[in-house]
């Protein structure tokens, strides 16, 4: 259980954080989880890999669902680019999961894309 101060901070952070900042933070969280698996490859289990990939896949599924809705405020070309990136990420994730002998380098593109998109959302 969190101390009361920590709970208050979390609630305040949710209120003052913009949607772009939240999306960026979630992408960085997903990237960090994947990077940790890559860095600790020899000690990570298949379940660790699966959990990190599942979190990333769920996140990108939410992004794709959001941008493909008719009421999305984003320009059509941005929506299409995000959807295409999402499809690439989902395909990469599937390939890693079905690979009998996955390699840590397979995670690099997922980590890099998440970090790049997160930086773009933060305006860097």
N, C-alpha and C. Protein backbone atom coordinates (compact mmCIF):
# COMPACT_ATOMS: atom_id res chain seq x y z
N UNK A 1 0.84 -1.18 0.00
CA UNK A 1 0.00 0.00 0.00
C UNK A 1 0.89 1.24 0.00
N UNK A 2 0.50 2.23 -0.79
CA UNK A 2 1.25 3.47 -0.86
C UNK A 2 0.92 4.36 0.34
N UNK A 3 1.90 5.13 0.82
CA UNK A 3 1.60 6.14 1.84
C UNK A 3 0.64 7.17 1.25
N UNK A 4 -0.08 7.88 2.10
CA UNK A 4 -1.07 8.85 1.62
C UNK A 4 -0.46 9.89 0.69
N UNK A 5 0.73 10.38 1.00
CA UNK A 5 1.38 11.39 0.16
C UNK A 5 1.62 10.88 -1.25
N UNK A 6 2.06 9.62 -1.36
CA UNK A 6 2.32 9.04 -2.68
C UNK A 6 1.02 8.90 -3.46
N UNK A 7 -0.04 8.50 -2.79
CA UNK A 7 -1.34 8.38 -3.46
C UNK A 7 -1.82 9.73 -3.95
N UNK A 8 -1.67 10.76 -3.13
CA UNK A 8 -2.08 12.10 -3.53
C UNK A 8 -1.28 12.57 -4.74
N UNK A 9 0.04 12.29 -4.73
CA UNK A 9 0.88 12.67 -5.86
C UNK A 9 0.41 11.98 -7.13
N UNK A 10 0.13 10.67 -7.05
CA UNK A 10 -0.32 9.94 -8.23
C UNK A 10 -1.61 10.53 -8.78
N UNK A 11 -2.54 10.87 -7.91
CA UNK A 11 -3.80 11.45 -8.36
C UNK A 11 -3.57 12.80 -9.01
N UNK A 12 -2.71 13.62 -8.41
CA UNK A 12 -2.41 14.94 -8.98
C UNK A 12 -1.71 14.79 -10.31
N UNK A 13 -0.76 13.87 -10.41
CA UNK A 13 -0.03 13.66 -11.65
C UNK A 13 -0.99 13.28 -12.77
N UNK A 14 -2.00 12.48 -12.45
CA UNK A 14 -2.96 12.08 -13.46
C UNK A 14 -3.75 13.28 -13.97
N UNK A 15 -4.02 14.23 -13.09
CA UNK A 15 -4.81 15.39 -13.46
C UNK A 15 -4.00 16.38 -14.29
N UNK A 16 -2.74 16.64 -13.91
CA UNK A 16 -1.95 17.66 -14.60
C UNK A 16 -1.21 17.13 -15.82
N UNK A 17 -1.10 15.84 -15.94
CA UNK A 17 -0.38 15.26 -17.07
C UNK A 17 -1.26 15.30 -18.32
N UNK A 18 -0.71 15.80 -19.42
CA UNK A 18 -1.47 15.85 -20.66
C UNK A 18 -1.55 14.44 -21.26
N UNK A 19 -2.50 14.22 -22.14
CA UNK A 19 -2.57 12.90 -22.80
C UNK A 19 -1.27 12.55 -23.53
N UNK A 20 -0.65 13.54 -24.17
CA UNK A 20 0.62 13.27 -24.87
C UNK A 20 1.71 12.87 -23.89
N UNK A 21 1.76 13.54 -22.74
CA UNK A 21 2.76 13.19 -21.73
C UNK A 21 2.50 11.78 -21.20
N UNK A 22 1.25 11.44 -21.01
CA UNK A 22 0.89 10.09 -20.51
C UNK A 22 1.28 9.05 -21.55
N UNK A 23 0.97 9.30 -22.81
CA UNK A 23 1.33 8.36 -23.88
C UNK A 23 2.84 8.19 -23.95
N UNK A 24 3.56 9.30 -23.84
CA UNK A 24 5.02 9.25 -23.87
C UNK A 24 5.55 8.42 -22.70
N UNK A 25 5.00 8.65 -21.52
CA UNK A 25 5.45 7.90 -20.33
C UNK A 25 5.17 6.40 -20.49
N UNK A 26 4.03 6.06 -21.05
CA UNK A 26 3.70 4.64 -21.25
C UNK A 26 4.62 4.00 -22.29
N UNK A 27 4.93 4.73 -23.34
CA UNK A 27 5.87 4.21 -24.34
C UNK A 27 7.26 4.00 -23.73
N UNK A 28 7.67 4.94 -22.88
CA UNK A 28 8.97 4.79 -22.22
C UNK A 28 8.96 3.62 -21.24
N UNK A 29 7.84 3.40 -20.58
CA UNK A 29 7.71 2.26 -19.68
C UNK A 29 7.82 0.95 -20.46
N UNK A 30 7.15 0.90 -21.59
CA UNK A 30 7.21 -0.30 -22.43
C UNK A 30 8.63 -0.51 -22.95
N UNK A 31 9.27 0.56 -23.39
CA UNK A 31 10.65 0.47 -23.89
C UNK A 31 11.58 -0.01 -22.79
N UNK A 32 11.40 0.51 -21.58
CA UNK A 32 12.26 0.12 -20.46
C UNK A 32 12.09 -1.36 -20.13
N UNK A 33 10.85 -1.84 -20.18
CA UNK A 33 10.61 -3.26 -19.92
C UNK A 33 11.26 -4.16 -20.95
N UNK A 34 11.16 -3.77 -22.21
CA UNK A 34 11.79 -4.54 -23.28
C UNK A 34 13.32 -4.46 -23.18
N UNK A 35 13.83 -3.26 -22.88
CA UNK A 35 15.28 -3.09 -22.75
C UNK A 35 15.83 -3.93 -21.60
N UNK A 36 15.09 -4.01 -20.51
CA UNK A 36 15.52 -4.81 -19.37
C UNK A 36 15.65 -6.29 -19.76
N UNK A 37 14.69 -6.78 -20.51
CA UNK A 37 14.75 -8.17 -20.97
C UNK A 37 15.97 -8.35 -21.87
N UNK A 38 16.19 -7.39 -22.77
CA UNK A 38 17.34 -7.48 -23.67
C UNK A 38 18.65 -7.46 -22.89
N UNK A 39 18.75 -6.57 -21.91
CA UNK A 39 19.98 -6.43 -21.13
C UNK A 39 20.24 -7.65 -20.24
N UNK A 40 19.17 -8.28 -19.78
CA UNK A 40 19.30 -9.42 -18.88
C UNK A 40 18.89 -10.72 -19.57
N UNK A 41 19.14 -10.79 -20.86
CA UNK A 41 18.67 -11.90 -21.69
C UNK A 41 19.01 -13.27 -21.12
N UNK A 42 20.21 -13.45 -20.64
CA UNK A 42 20.64 -14.76 -20.15
C UNK A 42 19.92 -15.17 -18.86
N UNK A 43 19.32 -14.22 -18.16
CA UNK A 43 18.64 -14.51 -16.90
C UNK A 43 17.12 -14.38 -17.01
N UNK A 44 16.65 -13.79 -18.09
CA UNK A 44 15.21 -13.58 -18.28
C UNK A 44 14.55 -14.90 -18.69
N UNK A 45 13.33 -15.08 -18.26
CA UNK A 45 12.56 -16.27 -18.64
C UNK A 45 11.69 -15.95 -19.84
N UNK A 46 11.14 -16.98 -20.44
CA UNK A 46 10.20 -16.78 -21.54
C UNK A 46 8.98 -16.00 -21.04
N UNK A 47 8.59 -16.23 -19.80
CA UNK A 47 7.44 -15.51 -19.23
C UNK A 47 7.76 -14.02 -19.07
N UNK A 48 9.01 -13.70 -18.71
CA UNK A 48 9.42 -12.29 -18.62
C UNK A 48 9.31 -11.63 -20.00
N UNK A 49 9.82 -12.33 -21.01
CA UNK A 49 9.76 -11.82 -22.38
C UNK A 49 8.32 -11.65 -22.82
N UNK A 50 7.52 -12.65 -22.56
CA UNK A 50 6.11 -12.60 -22.96
C UNK A 50 5.38 -11.44 -22.28
N UNK A 51 5.66 -11.21 -20.99
CA UNK A 51 5.00 -10.13 -20.25
C UNK A 51 5.37 -8.76 -20.83
N UNK A 52 6.65 -8.56 -21.13
CA UNK A 52 7.09 -7.28 -21.70
C UNK A 52 6.49 -7.06 -23.08
N UNK A 53 6.47 -8.10 -23.89
CA UNK A 53 5.90 -7.99 -25.23
C UNK A 53 4.39 -7.78 -25.18
N UNK A 54 3.73 -8.42 -24.23
CA UNK A 54 2.28 -8.28 -24.10
C UNK A 54 1.91 -6.86 -23.69
N UNK A 55 2.65 -6.28 -22.74
CA UNK A 55 2.39 -4.90 -22.34
C UNK A 55 2.53 -3.97 -23.55
N UNK A 56 3.61 -4.15 -24.29
CA UNK A 56 3.85 -3.31 -25.47
C UNK A 56 2.76 -3.50 -26.52
N UNK A 57 2.37 -4.74 -26.74
CA UNK A 57 1.32 -5.03 -27.72
C UNK A 57 0.00 -4.39 -27.31
N UNK A 58 -0.37 -4.49 -26.04
CA UNK A 58 -1.61 -3.89 -25.57
C UNK A 58 -1.59 -2.38 -25.73
N UNK A 59 -0.46 -1.78 -25.41
CA UNK A 59 -0.31 -0.34 -25.55
C UNK A 59 -0.51 0.09 -27.00
N UNK A 60 0.16 -0.60 -27.92
CA UNK A 60 0.04 -0.26 -29.34
C UNK A 60 -1.35 -0.58 -29.89
N UNK A 61 -2.00 -1.58 -29.36
CA UNK A 61 -3.37 -1.89 -29.78
C UNK A 61 -4.29 -0.73 -29.39
N UNK A 62 -4.09 -0.19 -28.20
CA UNK A 62 -4.88 0.97 -27.77
C UNK A 62 -4.62 2.17 -28.68
N UNK A 63 -3.34 2.43 -28.98
CA UNK A 63 -3.01 3.54 -29.88
C UNK A 63 -3.69 3.35 -31.23
N UNK A 64 -3.58 2.16 -31.77
CA UNK A 64 -4.15 1.89 -33.10
C UNK A 64 -5.66 2.04 -33.09
N UNK A 65 -6.30 1.55 -32.05
CA UNK A 65 -7.75 1.67 -31.94
C UNK A 65 -8.15 3.14 -31.86
N UNK A 66 -7.39 3.90 -31.10
CA UNK A 66 -7.70 5.32 -30.92
C UNK A 66 -7.56 6.10 -32.23
N UNK A 67 -6.48 5.87 -32.96
CA UNK A 67 -6.25 6.67 -34.17
C UNK A 67 -7.12 6.24 -35.34
N UNK A 68 -7.65 5.05 -35.31
CA UNK A 68 -8.48 4.60 -36.43
C UNK A 68 -9.97 4.90 -36.21
N UNK A 69 -10.30 5.48 -35.07
CA UNK A 69 -11.69 5.88 -34.84
C UNK A 69 -12.02 7.08 -35.72
N UNK A 70 -13.24 7.15 -36.16
CA UNK A 70 -13.67 8.25 -37.03
C UNK A 70 -13.54 9.61 -36.36
N UNK A 71 -13.69 9.65 -35.03
CA UNK A 71 -13.65 10.94 -34.33
C UNK A 71 -12.25 11.32 -33.86
N UNK A 72 -11.22 10.64 -34.34
CA UNK A 72 -9.85 10.99 -33.97
C UNK A 72 -9.53 12.39 -34.49
N UNK A 73 -8.97 13.24 -33.61
CA UNK A 73 -8.67 14.62 -34.03
C UNK A 73 -7.38 14.74 -34.86
N UNK A 74 -6.63 13.66 -34.97
CA UNK A 74 -5.36 13.71 -35.69
C UNK A 74 -5.57 13.77 -37.20
N UNK A 75 -4.66 14.42 -37.91
CA UNK A 75 -4.74 14.43 -39.38
C UNK A 75 -4.65 13.00 -39.93
N UNK A 76 -5.26 12.81 -41.08
CA UNK A 76 -5.32 11.48 -41.68
C UNK A 76 -3.94 10.85 -41.86
N UNK A 77 -2.96 11.61 -42.34
CA UNK A 77 -1.64 11.02 -42.58
C UNK A 77 -0.95 10.59 -41.29
N UNK A 78 -1.15 11.35 -40.21
CA UNK A 78 -0.58 10.96 -38.91
C UNK A 78 -1.27 9.70 -38.41
N UNK A 79 -2.58 9.66 -38.56
CA UNK A 79 -3.33 8.47 -38.14
C UNK A 79 -2.85 7.24 -38.90
N UNK A 80 -2.65 7.39 -40.19
CA UNK A 80 -2.20 6.27 -41.03
C UNK A 80 -0.79 5.82 -40.62
N UNK A 81 0.09 6.78 -40.35
CA UNK A 81 1.45 6.44 -39.94
C UNK A 81 1.47 5.67 -38.62
N UNK A 82 0.66 6.12 -37.66
CA UNK A 82 0.60 5.43 -36.37
C UNK A 82 0.02 4.02 -36.55
N UNK A 83 -1.01 3.90 -37.36
CA UNK A 83 -1.60 2.58 -37.62
C UNK A 83 -0.59 1.66 -38.29
N UNK A 84 0.16 2.18 -39.25
CA UNK A 84 1.19 1.36 -39.93
C UNK A 84 2.29 0.94 -38.97
N UNK A 85 2.75 1.86 -38.13
CA UNK A 85 3.76 1.52 -37.13
C UNK A 85 3.21 0.46 -36.17
N UNK A 86 1.98 0.63 -35.77
CA UNK A 86 1.34 -0.34 -34.88
C UNK A 86 1.29 -1.72 -35.49
N UNK A 87 0.93 -1.80 -36.76
CA UNK A 87 0.89 -3.10 -37.44
C UNK A 87 2.28 -3.72 -37.50
N UNK A 88 3.29 -2.90 -37.79
CA UNK A 88 4.66 -3.40 -37.81
C UNK A 88 5.05 -3.94 -36.44
N UNK A 89 4.73 -3.19 -35.39
CA UNK A 89 5.07 -3.62 -34.03
C UNK A 89 4.34 -4.90 -33.66
N UNK A 90 3.08 -4.99 -34.00
CA UNK A 90 2.33 -6.22 -33.70
C UNK A 90 2.91 -7.41 -34.46
N UNK A 91 3.31 -7.20 -35.70
CA UNK A 91 3.92 -8.29 -36.48
C UNK A 91 5.26 -8.70 -35.90
N UNK A 92 6.09 -7.72 -35.51
CA UNK A 92 7.38 -8.02 -34.89
C UNK A 92 7.18 -8.81 -33.59
N UNK A 93 6.21 -8.38 -32.81
CA UNK A 93 5.92 -9.05 -31.54
C UNK A 93 5.51 -10.49 -31.78
N UNK A 94 4.64 -10.71 -32.76
CA UNK A 94 4.21 -12.07 -33.08
C UNK A 94 5.38 -12.92 -33.51
N UNK A 95 6.25 -12.35 -34.34
CA UNK A 95 7.43 -13.11 -34.81
C UNK A 95 8.33 -13.51 -33.66
N UNK A 96 8.54 -12.62 -32.72
CA UNK A 96 9.39 -12.94 -31.56
C UNK A 96 8.74 -14.04 -30.73
N UNK A 97 7.44 -13.92 -30.51
CA UNK A 97 6.75 -14.90 -29.67
C UNK A 97 6.70 -16.30 -30.28
N UNK A 98 6.60 -16.38 -31.62
CA UNK A 98 6.52 -17.71 -32.23
C UNK A 98 7.89 -18.28 -32.56
N UNK A 99 8.92 -17.44 -32.47
CA UNK A 99 10.28 -17.90 -32.74
C UNK A 99 10.70 -18.91 -31.67
N UNK A 100 11.15 -20.06 -32.11
CA UNK A 100 11.58 -21.11 -31.18
C UNK A 100 12.83 -20.67 -30.41
N UNK A 101 13.67 -19.89 -31.06
CA UNK A 101 14.91 -19.45 -30.44
C UNK A 101 15.07 -17.93 -30.64
N UNK A 102 14.23 -17.12 -29.94
CA UNK A 102 14.32 -15.67 -30.14
C UNK A 102 15.68 -15.15 -29.68
N UNK A 103 16.08 -14.04 -30.28
CA UNK A 103 17.36 -13.42 -29.97
C UNK A 103 17.13 -12.02 -29.39
N UNK A 104 18.00 -11.58 -28.49
CA UNK A 104 17.81 -10.27 -27.86
C UNK A 104 17.79 -9.12 -28.86
N UNK A 105 18.51 -9.23 -29.95
CA UNK A 105 18.56 -8.15 -30.94
C UNK A 105 17.19 -7.90 -31.56
N UNK A 106 16.29 -8.89 -31.51
CA UNK A 106 14.96 -8.72 -32.07
C UNK A 106 14.16 -7.65 -31.32
N UNK A 107 14.54 -7.38 -30.08
CA UNK A 107 13.83 -6.38 -29.28
C UNK A 107 14.27 -4.96 -29.60
N UNK A 108 15.43 -4.82 -30.22
CA UNK A 108 16.01 -3.49 -30.44
C UNK A 108 15.09 -2.56 -31.22
N UNK A 109 14.47 -3.04 -32.27
CA UNK A 109 13.61 -2.18 -33.09
C UNK A 109 12.39 -1.72 -32.29
N UNK A 110 11.85 -2.59 -31.45
CA UNK A 110 10.70 -2.22 -30.64
C UNK A 110 11.08 -1.15 -29.62
N UNK A 111 12.22 -1.33 -28.98
CA UNK A 111 12.71 -0.35 -28.01
C UNK A 111 12.95 1.00 -28.70
N UNK A 112 13.63 0.96 -29.82
CA UNK A 112 13.96 2.19 -30.54
C UNK A 112 12.71 2.94 -31.00
N UNK A 113 11.75 2.22 -31.57
CA UNK A 113 10.52 2.88 -32.03
C UNK A 113 9.76 3.51 -30.87
N UNK A 114 9.63 2.78 -29.77
CA UNK A 114 8.92 3.33 -28.62
C UNK A 114 9.60 4.60 -28.11
N UNK A 115 10.92 4.57 -28.02
CA UNK A 115 11.65 5.74 -27.54
C UNK A 115 11.52 6.92 -28.49
N UNK A 116 11.58 6.66 -29.78
CA UNK A 116 11.47 7.73 -30.77
C UNK A 116 10.08 8.37 -30.75
N UNK A 117 9.07 7.54 -30.68
CA UNK A 117 7.69 8.08 -30.63
C UNK A 117 7.49 8.85 -29.33
N UNK A 118 7.98 8.31 -28.22
CA UNK A 118 7.86 9.00 -26.93
C UNK A 118 8.55 10.37 -26.98
N UNK A 119 9.73 10.43 -27.57
CA UNK A 119 10.44 11.70 -27.69
C UNK A 119 9.64 12.68 -28.55
N UNK A 120 9.06 12.19 -29.63
CA UNK A 120 8.23 13.04 -30.47
C UNK A 120 7.02 13.59 -29.73
N UNK A 121 6.43 12.77 -28.90
CA UNK A 121 5.27 13.22 -28.11
C UNK A 121 5.66 14.28 -27.09
N UNK A 122 6.89 14.19 -26.60
CA UNK A 122 7.38 15.19 -25.64
C UNK A 122 7.90 16.43 -26.35
N UNK A 123 7.95 16.39 -27.67
CA UNK A 123 8.40 17.55 -28.44
C UNK A 123 9.90 17.69 -28.52
N UNK A 124 10.60 16.56 -28.37
CA UNK A 124 12.07 16.60 -28.42
C UNK A 124 12.54 16.39 -29.83
